[in-house]
Protein backbone atom coordinates (compact mmCIF):
# COMPACT_ATOMS: atom_id res chain seq x y z
CA MET A 1 15.43 4.04 -3.90
CA THR A 2 15.90 1.09 -1.60
CA GLU A 3 13.81 -1.98 -1.31
CA ASN A 4 13.05 -3.95 1.72
CA GLN A 5 11.44 -7.24 0.69
CA SER A 6 9.71 -7.70 4.08
CA THR A 7 7.85 -4.37 3.94
CA LYS A 8 4.15 -4.70 3.64
CA ALA A 9 1.36 -2.24 3.01
CA ARG A 10 -2.29 -2.06 2.31
CA ILE A 11 -4.69 -0.42 -0.12
CA LEU A 12 -7.85 0.76 1.54
CA VAL A 13 -10.75 1.58 -0.77
CA CYS A 14 -13.64 3.84 0.22
CA SER A 15 -16.68 1.59 0.44
CA THR A 16 -19.06 4.55 0.52
CA CYS A 17 -17.99 6.13 -2.82
CA GLU A 18 -21.03 6.63 -5.11
CA GLY A 19 -21.39 5.49 -8.64
CA GLU A 20 -22.00 2.32 -10.55
CA ARG A 21 -19.51 -0.10 -9.16
CA SER A 22 -18.83 -3.85 -8.98
CA ARG A 23 -16.65 -4.28 -5.90
CA THR A 24 -15.85 -7.83 -7.05
CA ALA A 25 -14.71 -6.64 -10.43
CA GLU A 26 -12.80 -3.82 -8.75
CA SER A 27 -10.98 -6.07 -6.25
CA ASP A 28 -10.31 -8.73 -8.90
CA ALA A 29 -8.70 -6.19 -11.31
CA VAL A 30 -6.44 -4.65 -8.60
CA LEU A 31 -5.52 -8.11 -7.10
CA GLU A 32 -4.63 -9.44 -10.57
CA ALA A 33 -2.46 -6.39 -11.25
CA LEU A 34 -0.66 -6.84 -7.94
CA GLU A 35 -0.12 -10.52 -8.80
CA ARG A 36 1.38 -9.62 -12.21
CA ALA A 37 3.70 -7.11 -10.46
CA GLY A 38 4.82 -9.76 -7.92
CA LEU A 39 3.24 -7.82 -5.03
CA ALA A 40 0.34 -10.02 -4.02
CA ASP A 41 2.08 -11.20 -0.86
CA ARG A 42 3.12 -7.68 0.21
CA ILE A 43 -0.01 -5.59 -0.45
CA THR A 44 -3.42 -6.31 1.14
CA PHE A 45 -6.64 -4.91 -0.41
CA GLU A 46 -9.64 -3.99 1.62
CA PHE A 47 -12.70 -1.88 1.63
CA GLY A 48 -13.11 0.63 4.54
CA GLY A 49 -14.92 3.83 5.55
CA CYS A 50 -15.17 7.23 3.93
CA MET A 51 -11.84 9.09 3.42
CA GLY A 52 -13.46 12.46 2.89
CA ALA A 53 -12.79 12.98 -0.86
CA CYS A 54 -16.38 12.47 -1.81
CA ALA A 55 -16.34 15.01 -4.62
CA GLU A 56 -14.01 12.76 -6.60
CA PRO A 57 -14.87 9.05 -6.17
CA VAL A 58 -13.42 6.39 -6.13
CA VAL A 59 -10.93 7.05 -3.27
CA ILE A 60 -8.10 4.87 -2.03
CA GLY A 61 -5.52 5.10 0.62
CA LEU A 62 -2.11 3.50 0.61
CA GLN A 63 -0.37 2.97 3.97
CA GLY A 64 2.05 0.75 5.78
CA GLU A 65 3.72 0.55 9.14
CA GLY A 66 6.65 3.02 9.24
CA LEU A 67 5.74 4.26 5.76
CA ALA A 68 4.10 7.45 4.45
CA SER A 69 0.36 7.46 3.83
CA TYR A 70 -1.25 8.54 0.55
CA VAL A 71 -4.82 9.37 -0.51
CA PHE A 72 -5.76 9.24 -4.16
CA SER A 73 -9.19 10.17 -5.66
CA GLY A 74 -10.95 10.16 -9.04
CA LEU A 75 -9.97 6.50 -9.76
CA ASN A 76 -11.61 3.77 -11.80
CA LEU A 77 -10.12 0.75 -10.08
CA ARG A 78 -10.56 -1.54 -13.04
CA GLU A 79 -8.97 0.90 -15.56
CA ASP A 80 -6.25 2.11 -13.08
CA ALA A 81 -5.34 -1.30 -11.68
CA ASP A 82 -1.93 -1.46 -13.35
CA ASP A 83 -1.07 2.18 -12.28
CA ILE A 84 -2.16 1.20 -8.64
CA ALA A 85 0.19 -1.73 -8.73
CA ALA A 86 2.97 0.41 -10.18
CA THR A 87 2.42 2.96 -7.42
CA CYS A 88 2.52 0.16 -4.78
CA GLU A 89 5.81 -1.11 -6.16
CA THR A 90 7.34 2.41 -6.20
CA TYR A 91 5.99 3.01 -2.67
CA LEU A 92 7.60 -0.05 -1.33
CA MET A 93 10.90 0.67 -2.92
CA CYS A 94 11.17 4.22 -1.48
CA ARG A 95 12.68 5.03 1.88
CA LYS A 96 9.79 5.23 4.35
CA GLY A 97 7.38 5.04 1.44
CA TRP A 98 8.12 8.67 0.46
CA ILE A 99 7.81 8.82 -3.28
CA ILE A 100 9.97 11.57 -4.80
CA ASP A 101 9.65 10.71 -8.52
CA ALA A 102 5.99 9.72 -9.21
CA HIS A 103 6.45 9.12 -12.99
CA PRO A 104 6.35 5.33 -12.50
CA CYS A 105 2.92 5.77 -10.86
CA GLY A 106 1.22 6.63 -14.20
CA ARG A 107 -2.10 8.32 -13.94
CA LEU A 108 -2.12 8.10 -10.16
CA ARG A 109 0.49 10.88 -9.88
CA ASP A 110 -2.31 13.25 -10.99
CA CYS A 111 -4.85 11.71 -8.59
CA LEU A 112 -2.88 12.36 -5.42
CA ARG A 113 -4.95 14.34 -2.86
CA ALA A 114 -2.82 13.97 0.25
CA ARG A 115 0.41 12.49 1.52
CA LEU A 116 1.62 12.29 5.10
CA PRO A 117 5.10 11.36 6.16
CA ALA A 118 5.56 8.23 8.28
CA LEU A 119 5.22 8.53 11.98
CA SER A 120 8.71 8.34 13.61
């Protein structure tokens, strides 16, 4: 793994996923986990449109310029916040965001639904 300190990425959360949710509590939990991991200045967090994994809400995407893209589903953003931060850290440390060993990602390694290589 190699790390480029200037690499930035974003977490995009499906804003249409069903279920009892507090978007403020969700975003606070993830942002606090990113802060603890020292990633608050490198990862943005935003809500966006449907990512087509409606059968298993909540869905997030992870993407960055020149990096692979990932879609995870079946998440509880408050309970999974630390694993989301660990995944972001692993992602930023891997060449082109291509995660080979997902063990540092915790539960998210079992929630992966799609990964696409970076555009060249």
